[in-house]
C-alpha atoms as a PDB file:
ATOM      1  CA  UNK A   1      29.092  18.410 158.452  1.00  0.00           C
ATOM      2  CA  UNK A   2      28.042  18.843 162.063  1.00  0.00           C
ATOM      3  CA  UNK A   3      24.877  17.331 163.509  1.00  0.00           C
ATOM      4  CA  UNK A   4      23.363  18.579 166.738  1.00  0.00           C
ATOM      5  CA  UNK A   5      21.480  16.997 169.650  1.00  0.00           C
ATOM      6  CA  UNK A   6      20.175  18.373 172.925  1.00  0.00           C
ATOM      7  CA  UNK A   7      21.097  16.702 176.181  1.00  0.00           C
ATOM      8  CA  UNK A   8      19.137  17.313 179.350  1.00  0.00           C
ATOM      9  CA  UNK A   9      20.187  16.702 182.942  1.00  0.00           C
ATOM     10  CA  UNK A  10      16.961  15.968 184.817  1.00  0.00           C
ATOM     11  CA  UNK A  11      16.614  15.172 188.505  1.00  0.00           C
ATOM     12  CA  UNK A  12      13.949  13.922 190.895  1.00  0.00           C
ATOM     13  CA  UNK A  13      14.274  13.867 194.653  1.00  0.00           C
ATOM     14  CA  UNK A  14      15.961  10.445 194.421  1.00  0.00           C
ATOM     15  CA  UNK A  15      18.047  10.384 191.241  1.00  0.00           C
ATOM     16  CA  UNK A  16      19.280  12.207 188.161  1.00  0.00           C
ATOM     17  CA  UNK A  17      19.202  11.124 184.518  1.00  0.00           C
ATOM     18  CA  UNK A  18      20.725  12.343 181.271  1.00  0.00           C
ATOM     19  CA  UNK A  19      18.344  12.195 178.302  1.00  0.00           C
ATOM     20  CA  UNK A  20      18.802  13.177 174.680  1.00  0.00           C
ATOM     21  CA  UNK A  21      16.817  14.574 171.800  1.00  0.00           C
ATOM     22  CA  UNK A  22      16.512  13.726 168.112  1.00  0.00           C
ATOM     23  CA  UNK A  23      19.215  15.081 165.791  1.00  0.00           C
ATOM     24  CA  UNK A  24      19.180  18.514 164.165  1.00  0.00           C
ATOM     25  CA  UNK A  25      21.047  20.021 161.225  1.00  0.00           C
ATOM     26  CA  UNK A  26      22.028  23.223 163.050  1.00  0.00           C
ATOM     27  CA  UNK A  27      22.610  24.524 166.552  1.00  0.00           C
ATOM     28  CA  UNK A  28      19.923  27.150 166.026  1.00  0.00           C
ATOM     29  CA  UNK A  29      17.370  24.468 165.095  1.00  0.00           C
ATOM     30  CA  UNK A  30      18.356  22.436 168.156  1.00  0.00           C
ATOM     31  CA  UNK A  31      18.001  25.380 170.530  1.00  0.00           C
ATOM     32  CA  UNK A  32      14.708  26.484 168.986  1.00  0.00           C
ATOM     33  CA  UNK A  33      13.253  22.964 169.246  1.00  0.00           C
ATOM     34  CA  UNK A  34      14.309  22.649 172.883  1.00  0.00           C
ATOM     35  CA  UNK A  35      12.658  25.935 173.799  1.00  0.00           C
ATOM     36  CA  UNK A  36       9.477  25.373 171.781  1.00  0.00           C
ATOM     37  CA  UNK A  37       8.931  21.621 172.354  1.00  0.00           C
ATOM     38  CA  UNK A  38      11.696  19.854 174.243  1.00  0.00           C
ATOM     39  CA  UNK A  39      11.093  21.340 177.670  1.00  0.00           C
ATOM     40  CA  UNK A  40       7.411  20.358 177.496  1.00  0.00           C
ATOM     41  CA  UNK A  41       8.182  16.862 176.173  1.00  0.00           C
ATOM     42  CA  UNK A  42      10.614  16.196 179.030  1.00  0.00           C
ATOM     43  CA  UNK A  43       7.985  17.306 181.554  1.00  0.00           C
ATOM     44  CA  UNK A  44       5.337  15.086 179.968  1.00  0.00           C
ATOM     45  CA  UNK A  45       7.534  11.996 179.767  1.00  0.00           C
ATOM     46  CA  UNK A  46       9.244  12.382 183.158  1.00  0.00           C
ATOM     47  CA  UNK A  47       6.753  14.349 185.299  1.00  0.00           C
ATOM     48  CA  UNK A  48       8.575  13.692 188.591  1.00  0.00           C
ATOM     49  CA  UNK A  49      11.830  15.163 187.232  1.00  0.00           C
ATOM     50  CA  UNK A  50      12.912  18.770 186.847  1.00  0.00           C
ATOM     51  CA  UNK A  51      15.326  19.989 184.173  1.00  0.00           C
ATOM     52  CA  UNK A  52      18.527  21.048 185.904  1.00  0.00           C
ATOM     53  CA  UNK A  53      20.383  21.992 182.740  1.00  0.00           C
ATOM     54  CA  UNK A  54      20.347  21.409 179.000  1.00  0.00           C
ATOM     55  CA  UNK A  55      22.795  21.939 176.195  1.00  0.00           C
ATOM     56  CA  UNK A  56      22.916  21.470 172.430  1.00  0.00           C
ATOM     57  CA  UNK A  57      26.031  19.529 171.455  1.00  0.00           C
ATOM     58  CA  UNK A  58      27.544  19.253 167.986  1.00  0.00           C
ATOM     59  CA  UNK A  59      29.050  16.092 166.526  1.00  0.00           C
ATOM     60  CA  UNK A  60      31.301  16.059 163.464  1.00  0.00           C
ATOM     61  CA  UNK A  61      31.094  13.236 160.992  1.00  0.00           C
ATOM     62  CA  UNK A  62      34.152  10.986 161.340  1.00  0.00           C
ATOM     63  CA  UNK A  63      35.421   8.346 158.994  1.00  0.00           C
ATOM     64  CA  UNK A  64      35.458   4.840 160.445  1.00  0.00           C
END
């Protein structure tokens, strides 16, 4: 099973940060959530930062 999370690279005039999203069960759900909510949530939480890039990344369950 693969789980998905969005990662955003956001930058202000002084610095850049990488921030993540909650987990999703599919890439499509991740991408839809980013476009419908995530972009606005990033802007509200970090108003001095602009989104430079974002990507949904999949993680496979591994045995430990």
